Amino acid sequence: MAPPIPSPKELAQIPVDWIEERSGLVSGHKYLLFRNVPKDISWLQTLGSGLITTFLIQATTGVLLAMYYQPTPDGAFSSIQYITDTATLGWMIRGMHKWGSTMFVILLFLHMGRVFLMGSYKYPREMTWVTGAVLFLMVMFMSLTGYLLVFDQRAYWASVVAININGSAPILGPFIAEFLKVGPEFSQHTLSRFYSLHMLAVPGGIMAFIGLHLWLVIRLGVSSPPWSKHRAKAGEV
């Protein structure tokens, strides 16, 4: 007797079962998504998710912009003009990346403000707060390195001022300034340094710390607001 013909659903399940048996990735989403959370949380607790969504948009649009951008003093501004005026939907991609960076910073301030005002940085979530603070510094550095890439007069002189301010810091200031400028003064190597930091080094660090931050949130759970009765009963601080 011939074996029964599997249904389309059963056929689709075969590669899923193959992946699950060897990696456990399929059932891993249950641990990430289906967790107990306090019932008295509000929309304020979604600011972190908004930040992750904004970062994904920034990463996607950044990759698309990098396909046309030329990190050279002669080609940087002209490539930006080409993206804005000529490339298919370039104006939209650049607009999403530009205004997305502003939204990223705003959401980050709101998220950290919510965590601080609600006391969610206290025991046992100190490490979660520290990783968030490091992410804040990385995002600020991301904004600094990205601002120069347009390479117009405003971006150039704003970057000069920012680097000089950092260079005035004691001990490490001159080293930081020389590292960013790749020498005693601005040159084509400065633009290349900023581009590599903005496209590779800083995003890699942000992704690593986002992963660590999320792991800590998942491990320690979402904190209840200060006025929560559940928080008072559980003795949570």
C-alpha atoms as a PDB file:
ATOM      1  CA  MET A   1       0.000   0.000   0.000  1.00  0.00           C
ATOM      2  CA  ALA A   2       1.402   3.379  -1.029  1.00  0.00           C
ATOM      3  CA  PRO A   3       2.191   5.851   1.779  1.00  0.00           C
ATOM      4  CA  PRO A   4      -0.241   8.747   2.083  1.00  0.00           C
ATOM      5  CA  ILE A   5       0.608  11.910   0.215  1.00  0.00           C
ATOM      6  CA  PRO A   6       1.542  14.664   2.703  1.00  0.00           C
ATOM      7  CA  SER A   7      -0.555  17.802   2.682  1.00  0.00           C
ATOM      8  CA  PRO A   8       0.953  21.208   1.776  1.00  0.00           C
ATOM      9  CA  LYS A   9       0.970  22.107   5.475  1.00  0.00           C
ATOM     10  CA  GLU A  10       2.922  18.957   6.325  1.00  0.00           C
ATOM     11  CA  LEU A  11       5.401  19.643   3.514  1.00  0.00           C
ATOM     12  CA  ALA A  12       5.957  23.167   4.788  1.00  0.00           C
ATOM     13  CA  GLN A  13       6.523  21.820   8.283  1.00  0.00           C
ATOM     14  CA  ILE A  14       9.391  19.524   7.191  1.00  0.00           C
ATOM     15  CA  PRO A  15      12.107  22.235   6.863  1.00  0.00           C
ATOM     16  CA  VAL A  16      10.799  23.901  10.035  1.00  0.00           C
ATOM     17  CA  ASP A  17      11.178  20.643  11.976  1.00  0.00           C
ATOM     18  CA  TRP A  18      14.642  20.145  10.458  1.00  0.00           C
ATOM     19  CA  ILE A  19      15.797  23.550  11.702  1.00  0.00           C
ATOM     20  CA  GLU A  20      14.171  23.114  15.116  1.00  0.00           C
ATOM     21  CA  GLU A  21      15.751  19.696  15.686  1.00  0.00           C
ATOM     22  CA  ARG A  22      19.254  21.020  14.979  1.00  0.00           C
ATOM     23  CA  SER A  23      19.151  24.506  16.464  1.00  0.00           C
ATOM     24  CA  GLY A  24      16.062  25.082  18.596  1.00  0.00           C
ATOM     25  CA  LEU A  25      15.578  28.451  16.902  1.00  0.00           C
ATOM     26  CA  VAL A  26      11.934  27.865  16.036  1.00  0.00           C
ATOM     27  CA  SER A  27      10.805  27.356  19.625  1.00  0.00           C
ATOM     28  CA  GLY A  28      13.144  30.101  20.818  1.00  0.00           C
ATOM     29  CA  HIS A  29      10.604  32.771  19.881  1.00  0.00           C
ATOM     30  CA  LYS A  30       8.297  31.463  22.606  1.00  0.00           C
ATOM     31  CA  TYR A  31      10.909  32.374  25.212  1.00  0.00           C
ATOM     32  CA  LEU A  32      11.353  35.834  23.688  1.00  0.00           C
ATOM     33  CA  LEU A  33       7.748  36.773  22.964  1.00  0.00           C
ATOM     34  CA  PHE A  34       5.488  34.756  25.247  1.00  0.00           C
ATOM     35  CA  ARG A  35       6.536  35.905  28.702  1.00  0.00           C
ATOM     36  CA  ASN A  36       4.664  37.109  31.758  1.00  0.00           C
ATOM     37  CA  VAL A  37       4.640  40.891  32.063  1.00  0.00           C
ATOM     38  CA  PRO A  38       3.016  43.089  34.729  1.00  0.00           C
ATOM     39  CA  LYS A  39      -0.591  43.818  33.849  1.00  0.00           C
ATOM     40  CA  ASP A  40      -0.358  47.452  34.955  1.00  0.00           C
ATOM     41  CA  ILE A  41       2.285  48.610  32.466  1.00  0.00           C
ATOM     42  CA  SER A  42       1.430  51.274  29.890  1.00  0.00           C
ATOM     43  CA  TRP A  43       2.441  52.498  26.435  1.00  0.00           C
ATOM     44  CA  LEU A  44       5.516  54.065  28.043  1.00  0.00           C
ATOM     45  CA  GLN A  45       7.035  50.589  28.199  1.00  0.00           C
ATOM     46  CA  THR A  46       6.934  50.384  24.374  1.00  0.00           C
ATOM     47  CA  LEU A  47       9.572  53.095  23.883  1.00  0.00           C
ATOM     48  CA  GLY A  48      12.302  50.445  23.824  1.00  0.00           C
ATOM     49  CA  SER A  49      10.532  48.556  21.044  1.00  0.00           C
ATOM     50  CA  GLY A  50      10.171  51.820  19.172  1.00  0.00           C
ATOM     51  CA  LEU A  51      13.922  52.344  19.467  1.00  0.00           C
ATOM     52  CA  ILE A  52      14.670  48.908  18.032  1.00  0.00           C
ATOM     53  CA  THR A  53      12.288  49.538  15.129  1.00  0.00           C
ATOM     54  CA  THR A  54      13.905  52.908  14.445  1.00  0.00           C
ATOM     55  CA  PHE A  55      17.373  51.349  14.531  1.00  0.00           C
ATOM     56  CA  LEU A  56      16.329  48.723  11.988  1.00  0.00           C
ATOM     57  CA  ILE A  57      14.995  51.480   9.709  1.00  0.00           C
ATOM     58  CA  GLN A  58      18.261  53.412  10.115  1.00  0.00           C
ATOM     59  CA  ALA A  59      20.318  50.311   9.332  1.00  0.00           C
ATOM     60  CA  THR A  60      18.265  49.459   6.241  1.00  0.00           C
ATOM     61  CA  THR A  61      18.220  52.973   4.798  1.00  0.00           C
ATOM     62  CA  GLY A  62      21.918  53.384   5.654  1.00  0.00           C
ATOM     63  CA  VAL A  63      22.828  50.320   3.589  1.00  0.00           C
ATOM     64  CA  LEU A  64      20.781  51.639   0.669  1.00  0.00           C
ATOM     65  CA  LEU A  65      22.433  55.060   0.885  1.00  0.00           C
ATOM     66  CA  ALA A  66      25.896  53.470   1.045  1.00  0.00           C
ATOM     67  CA  MET A  67      25.280  51.940  -2.397  1.00  0.00           C
ATOM     68  CA  TYR A  68      25.486  55.438  -3.927  1.00  0.00           C
ATOM     69  CA  TYR A  69      27.560  57.425  -1.441  1.00  0.00           C
ATOM     70  CA  GLN A  70      31.197  58.271  -2.223  1.00  0.00           C
ATOM     71  CA  PRO A  71      33.308  58.987   0.900  1.00  0.00           C
ATOM     72  CA  THR A  72      35.674  61.422  -0.820  1.00  0.00           C
ATOM     73  CA  PRO A  73      35.895  65.228  -0.533  1.00  0.00           C
ATOM     74  CA  ASP A  74      35.114  65.608  -4.246  1.00  0.00           C
ATOM     75  CA  GLY A  75      32.375  62.994  -4.427  1.00  0.00           C
ATOM     76  CA  ALA A  76      30.569  63.180  -1.080  1.00  0.00           C
ATOM     77  CA  PHE A  77      28.324  66.185  -1.684  1.00  0.00           C
ATOM     78  CA  SER A  78      27.720  65.364  -5.355  1.00  0.00           C
ATOM     79  CA  SER A  79      26.698  61.802  -4.440  1.00  0.00           C
ATOM     80  CA  ILE A  80      24.253  63.201  -1.880  1.00  0.00           C
ATOM     81  CA  GLN A  81      22.792  65.419  -4.612  1.00  0.00           C
ATOM     82  CA  TYR A  82      22.498  62.414  -6.912  1.00  0.00           C
ATOM     83  CA  ILE A  83      20.717  60.399  -4.229  1.00  0.00           C
ATOM     84  CA  THR A  84      18.291  63.237  -3.517  1.00  0.00           C
ATOM     85  CA  ASP A  85      17.558  64.365  -7.087  1.00  0.00           C
ATOM     86  CA  THR A  86      18.173  61.405  -9.399  1.00  0.00           C
ATOM     87  CA  ALA A  87      18.254  57.991  -7.721  1.00  0.00           C
ATOM     88  CA  THR A  88      14.967  56.091  -7.618  1.00  0.00           C
ATOM     89  CA  LEU A  89      13.203  56.981  -4.352  1.00  0.00           C
ATOM     90  CA  GLY A  90      16.518  58.386  -3.145  1.00  0.00           C
ATOM     91  CA  TRP A  91      14.811  61.446  -1.695  1.00  0.00           C
ATOM     92  CA  MET A  92      12.559  59.221   0.397  1.00  0.00           C
ATOM     93  CA  ILE A  93      15.369  56.932   1.605  1.00  0.00           C
ATOM     94  CA  ARG A  94      17.547  59.891   2.551  1.00  0.00           C
ATOM     95  CA  GLY A  95      14.622  61.619   4.267  1.00  0.00           C
ATOM     96  CA  MET A  96      13.816  58.496   6.270  1.00  0.00           C
ATOM     97  CA  HIS A  97      17.460  58.207   7.330  1.00  0.00           C
ATOM     98  CA  LYS A  98      17.810  61.890   8.205  1.00  0.00           C
ATOM     99  CA  TRP A  99      14.604  62.279  10.177  1.00  0.00           C
ATOM    100  CA  GLY A 100      14.900  58.761  11.566  1.00  0.00           C
ATOM    101  CA  SER A 101      18.152  59.766  13.253  1.00  0.00           C
ATOM    102  CA  THR A 102      16.348  62.657  14.944  1.00  0.00           C
ATOM    103  CA  MET A 103      13.516  60.371  16.026  1.00  0.00           C
ATOM    104  CA  PHE A 104      16.071  57.868  17.319  1.00  0.00           C
ATOM    105  CA  VAL A 105      17.603  60.462  19.642  1.00  0.00           C
ATOM    106  CA  ILE A 106      14.184  61.723  20.816  1.00  0.00           C
ATOM    107  CA  LEU A 107      12.950  58.204  21.611  1.00  0.00           C
ATOM    108  CA  LEU A 108      16.211  57.457  23.396  1.00  0.00           C
ATOM    109  CA  PHE A 109      15.829  60.506  25.650  1.00  0.00           C
ATOM    110  CA  LEU A 110      12.194  59.588  26.394  1.00  0.00           C
ATOM    111  CA  HIS A 111      13.075  55.962  27.091  1.00  0.00           C
ATOM    112  CA  MET A 112      15.922  56.806  29.469  1.00  0.00           C
ATOM    113  CA  GLY A 113      13.770  59.460  31.140  1.00  0.00           C
ATOM    114  CA  ARG A 114      10.991  56.942  31.702  1.00  0.00           C
ATOM    115  CA  VAL A 115      13.428  54.406  33.172  1.00  0.00           C
ATOM    116  CA  PHE A 116      14.951  57.015  35.492  1.00  0.00           C
ATOM    117  CA  LEU A 117      11.696  58.576  36.691  1.00  0.00           C
ATOM    118  CA  MET A 118      10.094  55.180  37.343  1.00  0.00           C
ATOM    119  CA  GLY A 119      13.157  53.873  39.170  1.00  0.00           C
ATOM    120  CA  SER A 120      13.628  50.971  36.759  1.00  0.00           C
ATOM    121  CA  TYR A 121      17.411  51.363  37.019  1.00  0.00           C
ATOM    122  CA  LYS A 122      17.515  50.093  40.608  1.00  0.00           C
ATOM    123  CA  TYR A 123      18.335  46.596  41.846  1.00  0.00           C
ATOM    124  CA  PRO A 124      18.444  44.174  40.141  1.00  0.00           C
ATOM    125  CA  ARG A 125      18.468  46.154  36.867  1.00  0.00           C
ATOM    126  CA  GLU A 126      21.626  48.239  37.315  1.00  0.00           C
ATOM    127  CA  MET A 127      23.389  46.426  34.459  1.00  0.00           C
ATOM    128  CA  THR A 128      20.435  47.069  32.180  1.00  0.00           C
ATOM    129  CA  TRP A 129      20.780  50.793  32.903  1.00  0.00           C
ATOM    130  CA  VAL A 130      24.552  50.709  32.295  1.00  0.00           C
ATOM    131  CA  THR A 131      24.155  49.036  28.893  1.00  0.00           C
ATOM    132  CA  GLY A 132      21.484  51.587  28.018  1.00  0.00           C
ATOM    133  CA  ALA A 133      23.835  54.427  28.987  1.00  0.00           C
ATOM    134  CA  VAL A 134      26.553  52.960  26.752  1.00  0.00           C
ATOM    135  CA  LEU A 135      24.019  52.755  23.919  1.00  0.00           C
ATOM    136  CA  PHE A 136      23.188  56.412  24.509  1.00  0.00           C
ATOM    137  CA  LEU A 137      26.855  57.387  24.081  1.00  0.00           C
ATOM    138  CA  MET A 138      27.119  55.270  20.929  1.00  0.00           C
ATOM    139  CA  VAL A 139      24.055  56.905  19.409  1.00  0.00           C
ATOM    140  CA  MET A 140      25.475  60.359  20.137  1.00  0.00           C
ATOM    141  CA  PHE A 141      28.749  59.339  18.472  1.00  0.00           C
ATOM    142  CA  MET A 142      26.753  57.916  15.571  1.00  0.00           C
ATOM    143  CA  SER A 143      25.103  61.301  15.102  1.00  0.00           C
ATOM    144  CA  LEU A 144      28.483  63.060  15.176  1.00  0.00           C
ATOM    145  CA  THR A 145      30.069  60.815  12.558  1.00  0.00           C
ATOM    146  CA  GLY A 146      27.002  60.890  10.318  1.00  0.00           C
ATOM    147  CA  TYR A 147      26.692  64.680  10.326  1.00  0.00           C
ATOM    148  CA  LEU A 148      29.961  65.177   8.455  1.00  0.00           C
ATOM    149  CA  LEU A 149      29.096  62.777   5.632  1.00  0.00           C
ATOM    150  CA  VAL A 150      27.022  65.371   3.757  1.00  0.00           C
ATOM    151  CA  PHE A 151      30.284  67.355   3.542  1.00  0.00           C
ATOM    152  CA  ASP A 152      28.804  70.785   2.948  1.00  0.00           C
ATOM    153  CA  GLN A 153      29.954  73.934   4.707  1.00  0.00           C
ATOM    154  CA  ARG A 154      27.608  73.498   7.663  1.00  0.00           C
ATOM    155  CA  ALA A 155      28.538  69.857   8.208  1.00  0.00           C
ATOM    156  CA  TYR A 156      32.261  70.596   7.853  1.00  0.00           C
ATOM    157  CA  TRP A 157      32.437  73.464  10.341  1.00  0.00           C
ATOM    158  CA  ALA A 158      30.034  71.825  12.797  1.00  0.00           C
ATOM    159  CA  SER A 159      32.313  68.771  12.851  1.00  0.00           C
ATOM    160  CA  VAL A 160      35.379  70.976  13.303  1.00  0.00           C
ATOM    161  CA  VAL A 161      33.774  72.618  16.339  1.00  0.00           C
ATOM    162  CA  ALA A 162      32.651  69.258  17.793  1.00  0.00           C
ATOM    163  CA  ILE A 163      36.113  67.717  17.416  1.00  0.00           C
ATOM    164  CA  ASN A 164      37.806  70.767  18.913  1.00  0.00           C
ATOM    165  CA  ILE A 165      35.458  70.625  21.899  1.00  0.00           C
ATOM    166  CA  ASN A 166      36.306  66.946  22.425  1.00  0.00           C
ATOM    167  CA  GLY A 167      39.983  67.757  21.943  1.00  0.00           C
ATOM    168  CA  SER A 168      39.902  70.210  24.840  1.00  0.00           C
ATOM    169  CA  ALA A 169      39.119  67.437  27.325  1.00  0.00           C
ATOM    170  CA  PRO A 170      41.966  66.610  29.741  1.00  0.00           C
ATOM    171  CA  ILE A 171      44.337  63.693  29.138  1.00  0.00           C
ATOM    172  CA  LEU A 172      42.423  61.822  26.389  1.00  0.00           C
ATOM    173  CA  GLY A 173      41.076  64.889  24.563  1.00  0.00           C
ATOM    174  CA  PRO A 174      44.026  65.495  22.195  1.00  0.00           C
ATOM    175  CA  PHE A 175      44.273  61.789  21.406  1.00  0.00           C
ATOM    176  CA  ILE A 176      40.551  61.609  20.556  1.00  0.00           C
ATOM    177  CA  ALA A 177      40.775  64.686  18.337  1.00  0.00           C
ATOM    178  CA  GLU A 178      43.796  63.350  16.450  1.00  0.00           C
ATOM    179  CA  PHE A 179      42.139  59.945  16.092  1.00  0.00           C
ATOM    180  CA  LEU A 180      39.011  61.480  14.555  1.00  0.00           C
ATOM    181  CA  LYS A 181      40.897  63.844  12.253  1.00  0.00           C
ATOM    182  CA  VAL A 182      43.516  61.191  11.324  1.00  0.00           C
ATOM    183  CA  GLY A 183      46.232  63.762  11.828  1.00  0.00           C
ATOM    184  CA  PRO A 184      46.663  67.361  12.902  1.00  0.00           C
ATOM    185  CA  GLU A 185      44.027  68.741  10.515  1.00  0.00           C
ATOM    186  CA  PHE A 186      40.978  67.798   8.439  1.00  0.00           C
ATOM    187  CA  SER A 187      41.708  65.878   5.224  1.00  0.00           C
ATOM    188  CA  GLN A 188      40.184  63.263   2.953  1.00  0.00           C
ATOM    189  CA  HIS A 189      41.266  60.663   5.505  1.00  0.00           C
ATOM    190  CA  THR A 190      39.022  62.348   8.077  1.00  0.00           C
ATOM    191  CA  LEU A 191      35.962  61.754   5.910  1.00  0.00           C
ATOM    192  CA  SER A 192      36.973  58.124   5.339  1.00  0.00           C
ATOM    193  CA  ARG A 193      37.471  57.649   9.087  1.00  0.00           C
ATOM    194  CA  PHE A 194      34.044  59.100   9.874  1.00  0.00           C
ATOM    195  CA  TYR A 195      32.419  56.985   7.150  1.00  0.00           C
ATOM    196  CA  SER A 196      33.956  53.728   8.414  1.00  0.00           C
ATOM    197  CA  LEU A 197      33.008  54.544  11.996  1.00  0.00           C
ATOM    198  CA  HIS A 198      29.459  55.496  10.993  1.00  0.00           C
ATOM    199  CA  MET A 199      28.883  52.500   8.719  1.00  0.00           C
ATOM    200  CA  LEU A 200      30.785  49.682  10.430  1.00  0.00           C
ATOM    201  CA  ALA A 201      32.289  50.208  13.881  1.00  0.00           C
ATOM    202  CA  VAL A 202      29.550  52.096  15.724  1.00  0.00           C
ATOM    203  CA  PRO A 203      26.569  50.141  14.267  1.00  0.00           C
ATOM    204  CA  GLY A 204      28.340  46.899  15.174  1.00  0.00           C
ATOM    205  CA  GLY A 205      28.770  48.087  18.747  1.00  0.00           C
ATOM    206  CA  ILE A 206      25.158  49.254  18.906  1.00  0.00           C
ATOM    207  CA  MET A 207      23.884  45.873  17.701  1.00  0.00           C
ATOM    208  CA  ALA A 208      26.039  44.042  20.258  1.00  0.00           C
ATOM    209  CA  PHE A 209      24.825  46.185  23.147  1.00  0.00           C
ATOM    210  CA  ILE A 210      21.214  46.000  21.970  1.00  0.00           C
ATOM    211  CA  GLY A 211      21.512  42.213  22.130  1.00  0.00           C
ATOM    212  CA  LEU A 212      22.990  42.381  25.636  1.00  0.00           C
ATOM    213  CA  HIS A 213      20.375  44.930  26.723  1.00  0.00           C
ATOM    214  CA  LEU A 214      17.509  42.776  25.441  1.00  0.00           C
ATOM    215  CA  TRP A 215      18.931  39.676  27.109  1.00  0.00           C
ATOM    216  CA  LEU A 216      18.995  41.513  30.434  1.00  0.00           C
ATOM    217  CA  VAL A 217      15.426  42.754  29.934  1.00  0.00           C
ATOM    218  CA  ILE A 218      14.254  39.231  29.132  1.00  0.00           C
ATOM    219  CA  ARG A 219      16.160  37.715  32.053  1.00  0.00           C
ATOM    220  CA  LEU A 220      15.051  40.256  34.663  1.00  0.00           C
ATOM    221  CA  GLY A 221      11.601  41.014  33.259  1.00  0.00           C
ATOM    222  CA  VAL A 222       9.741  44.279  32.807  1.00  0.00           C
ATOM    223  CA  SER A 223       9.518  46.428  35.919  1.00  0.00           C
ATOM    224  CA  SER A 224       6.171  47.650  37.214  1.00  0.00           C
ATOM    225  CA  PRO A 225       5.556  51.398  37.651  1.00  0.00           C
ATOM    226  CA  PRO A 226       6.181  52.887  41.141  1.00  0.00           C
ATOM    227  CA  TRP A 227       2.460  53.107  41.918  1.00  0.00           C
ATOM    228  CA  SER A 228       1.847  49.426  41.124  1.00  0.00           C
ATOM    229  CA  LYS A 229       0.188  47.354  43.858  1.00  0.00           C
ATOM    230  CA  HIS A 230       1.911  44.295  42.422  1.00  0.00           C
ATOM    231  CA  ARG A 231       5.268  46.019  42.905  1.00  0.00           C
ATOM    232  CA  ALA A 232       4.498  46.780  46.533  1.00  0.00           C
ATOM    233  CA  LYS A 233       3.379  43.213  47.292  1.00  0.00           C
ATOM    234  CA  ALA A 234       6.358  41.655  45.578  1.00  0.00           C
ATOM    235  CA  GLY A 235       8.781  43.973  47.325  1.00  0.00           C
ATOM    236  CA  GLU A 236      10.266  45.084  44.020  1.00  0.00           C
ATOM    237  CA  VAL A 237      12.394  48.223  44.041  1.00  0.00           C
END
